[in-house]
Protein backbone atom coordinates (compact mmCIF):
# COMPACT_ATOMS: atom_id res chain seq x y z
CA MET A 1 12.33 -13.40 9.13
CA GLU A 2 13.83 -12.27 5.86
CA VAL A 3 12.54 -9.40 3.71
CA ILE A 4 13.08 -9.39 -0.05
CA ILE A 5 11.93 -6.62 -2.40
CA GLY A 6 11.89 -7.30 -6.12
CA SER A 7 9.96 -7.07 -9.36
CA ASP A 8 10.97 -10.23 -11.20
CA ALA A 9 8.46 -12.87 -12.34
CA GLU A 10 9.27 -15.31 -9.52
CA THR A 11 8.81 -12.65 -6.81
CA ILE A 12 5.48 -11.64 -8.37
CA ARG A 13 4.32 -15.27 -8.51
CA LYS A 14 5.17 -15.80 -4.82
CA ALA A 15 3.37 -12.59 -3.84
CA GLN A 16 0.28 -13.72 -5.75
CA VAL A 17 0.25 -17.06 -3.89
CA ILE A 18 0.07 -15.26 -0.53
CA ARG A 19 -2.51 -12.76 -1.79
CA ASN A 20 -4.73 -15.51 -3.19
CA GLN A 21 -4.80 -17.25 0.19
CA VAL A 22 -5.53 -14.08 2.18
CA PHE A 23 -7.76 -12.09 -0.15
CA THR A 24 -9.58 -14.70 -2.24
CA VAL A 25 -9.78 -17.73 0.05
CA GLU A 26 -10.11 -16.01 3.45
CA GLN A 27 -11.77 -12.67 2.63
CA GLY A 28 -13.87 -13.72 -0.36
CA ILE A 29 -12.54 -10.99 -2.64
CA PRO A 30 -12.76 -12.11 -6.29
CA GLN A 31 -9.32 -12.95 -7.68
CA GLU A 32 -9.88 -10.72 -10.72
CA LEU A 33 -10.00 -7.70 -8.38
CA ASP A 34 -6.61 -8.66 -6.95
CA LEU A 35 -5.02 -9.35 -10.33
CA ASP A 36 -5.37 -5.80 -11.61
CA GLY A 37 -2.53 -5.75 -14.14
CA LEU A 38 -0.20 -3.63 -11.99
CA ASP A 39 2.04 -6.41 -10.65
CA GLU A 40 4.53 -6.17 -13.51
CA THR A 41 5.17 -2.45 -12.89
CA SER A 42 5.37 -2.74 -9.09
CA HIS A 43 7.96 -3.53 -6.43
CA HIS A 44 6.92 -6.53 -4.32
CA LEU A 45 7.96 -7.17 -0.74
CA LEU A 46 8.10 -10.79 0.37
CA MET A 47 8.63 -11.85 3.96
CA THR A 48 9.82 -15.39 4.61
CA ASP A 49 10.32 -17.47 7.75
CA LYS A 50 13.06 -20.07 7.23
CA GLY A 51 12.28 -20.01 3.52
CA ALA A 52 8.50 -20.28 3.90
CA LEU A 53 6.40 -17.46 2.44
CA VAL A 54 4.50 -15.63 5.19
CA ALA A 55 3.63 -12.09 4.00
CA THR A 56 3.70 -9.69 1.07
CA ALA A 57 2.93 -6.12 -0.02
CA ARG A 58 3.25 -4.10 -3.21
CA LEU A 59 4.53 -0.60 -4.01
CA THR A 60 3.45 0.79 -7.40
CA PRO A 61 5.15 3.95 -8.74
CA LYS A 62 3.03 6.86 -9.95
CA LEU A 63 4.01 10.08 -11.72
CA GLY A 64 5.67 12.88 -9.78
CA GLY A 65 7.60 10.80 -7.25
CA ALA A 66 4.54 9.23 -5.64
CA SER A 67 3.60 5.58 -5.18
CA VAL A 68 0.75 3.38 -4.04
CA MET A 69 1.19 0.76 -1.31
CA ALA A 70 -1.29 -2.08 -1.71
CA ARG A 71 -1.91 -5.78 -1.31
CA VAL A 72 -0.53 -5.98 2.25
CA ALA A 73 -1.21 -9.60 3.23
CA VAL A 74 -0.01 -11.78 6.12
CA LEU A 75 -0.85 -15.49 6.27
CA LYS A 76 -3.23 -16.34 9.11
CA ALA A 77 -0.72 -18.39 11.11
CA TYR A 78 1.64 -15.38 11.30
CA ARG A 79 -0.84 -12.67 12.26
CA GLY A 80 -0.49 -10.94 15.61
CA CYS A 81 3.31 -11.12 15.47
CA GLY A 82 3.94 -7.57 14.27
CA LEU A 83 4.72 -8.54 10.68
CA ALA A 84 2.40 -5.95 9.13
CA SER A 85 4.28 -3.23 11.03
CA LYS A 86 7.59 -4.57 9.73
CA ILE A 87 6.19 -4.60 6.18
CA VAL A 88 5.00 -0.98 6.36
CA GLU A 89 8.30 0.16 7.90
CA ALA A 90 10.31 -1.71 5.25
CA LEU A 91 8.28 -0.21 2.38
CA ILE A 92 8.53 3.31 3.82
CA ASP A 93 12.32 2.88 4.12
CA TYR A 94 12.49 1.48 0.60
CA ALA A 95 10.38 4.35 -0.78
CA ASN A 96 12.55 6.94 0.98
CA ASN A 97 15.71 5.32 -0.44
CA GLN A 98 14.16 5.37 -3.93
CA GLY A 99 13.34 9.10 -3.69
CA ILE A 100 9.60 8.53 -3.49
CA ASN A 101 8.01 11.55 -1.79
CA SER A 102 4.57 10.18 -0.95
CA ILE A 103 2.78 6.87 -0.50
CA GLU A 104 -0.96 6.47 -0.99
CA ILE A 105 -2.94 3.52 0.36
CA HIS A 106 -6.51 2.30 0.10
CA ALA A 107 -6.83 0.41 3.38
CA HIS A 108 -9.66 -1.33 5.15
CA GLU A 109 -11.38 1.29 7.29
CA TYR A 110 -10.66 -0.58 10.53
CA LEU A 111 -6.90 -0.17 9.89
CA LYS A 112 -6.97 3.65 9.99
CA GLU A 113 -5.28 3.94 13.41
CA PHE A 114 -2.71 1.28 12.47
CA TYR A 115 -1.50 3.32 9.48
CA GLU A 116 -1.66 6.61 11.40
CA ARG A 117 1.08 5.22 13.68
CA PHE A 118 3.45 5.34 10.69
CA GLY A 119 2.55 8.90 9.71
CA PHE A 120 -0.25 8.21 7.23
CA SER A 121 -3.08 10.77 7.17
CA PHE A 122 -6.72 10.03 6.38
CA ILE A 123 -7.86 11.58 3.08
CA GLN A 124 -11.33 10.16 2.38
CA GLN A 125 -13.55 7.09 2.23
CA VAL A 126 -13.37 5.36 -1.13
CA GLU A 127 -14.92 2.24 -2.64
CA VAL A 128 -16.30 -0.88 -1.01
CA VAL A 129 -14.50 -4.06 -2.15
CA GLY A 130 -16.38 -7.24 -1.37
CA GLU A 131 -17.91 -6.25 1.96
CA HIS A 132 -14.92 -4.13 3.01
CA GLN A 133 -15.12 -0.31 3.20
CA LEU A 134 -11.81 1.17 2.05
CA ILE A 135 -10.29 4.51 2.97
CA GLU A 136 -7.62 6.55 1.21
CA MET A 137 -4.63 7.56 3.32
CA GLN A 138 -1.33 9.24 2.44
CA TYR A 139 2.20 9.30 3.82
CA ARG A 140 4.48 12.20 2.90
CA ALA A 141 8.22 11.80 3.25
CA SER A 142 9.86 14.47 5.35
CA ILE A 143 12.16 16.68 3.30
CA THR A 144 15.58 17.11 4.92
């Protein structure tokens, strides 16, 4: 598996292909909710297996050294292999190297314990997207 993080048009296009398959086709989330206009100002992680796209996630900078992790998506054939954990770890490392001091996520409620393993803390329940209850969680980088 190879991990690439970028913000160029080709990386964005590849990330959108994966997200369309996972969010729109599989989960029934309208594509206009996924395409929120933030892709061009975000850093996109792509994971490939021998050149084939398998997973993606997005990190969007906010003011004050914070960012938002979103659009974590793994193609169905690659689920259960620990790729989501590798994605979260890679984005936390990337954020720390970029001087980002906190990461916010709006995750599906059933993923609360998954994100807690990486140091994310539950903040509150937020909106329902499609039929999916989302929760807000936050990771704070340790100051050394």
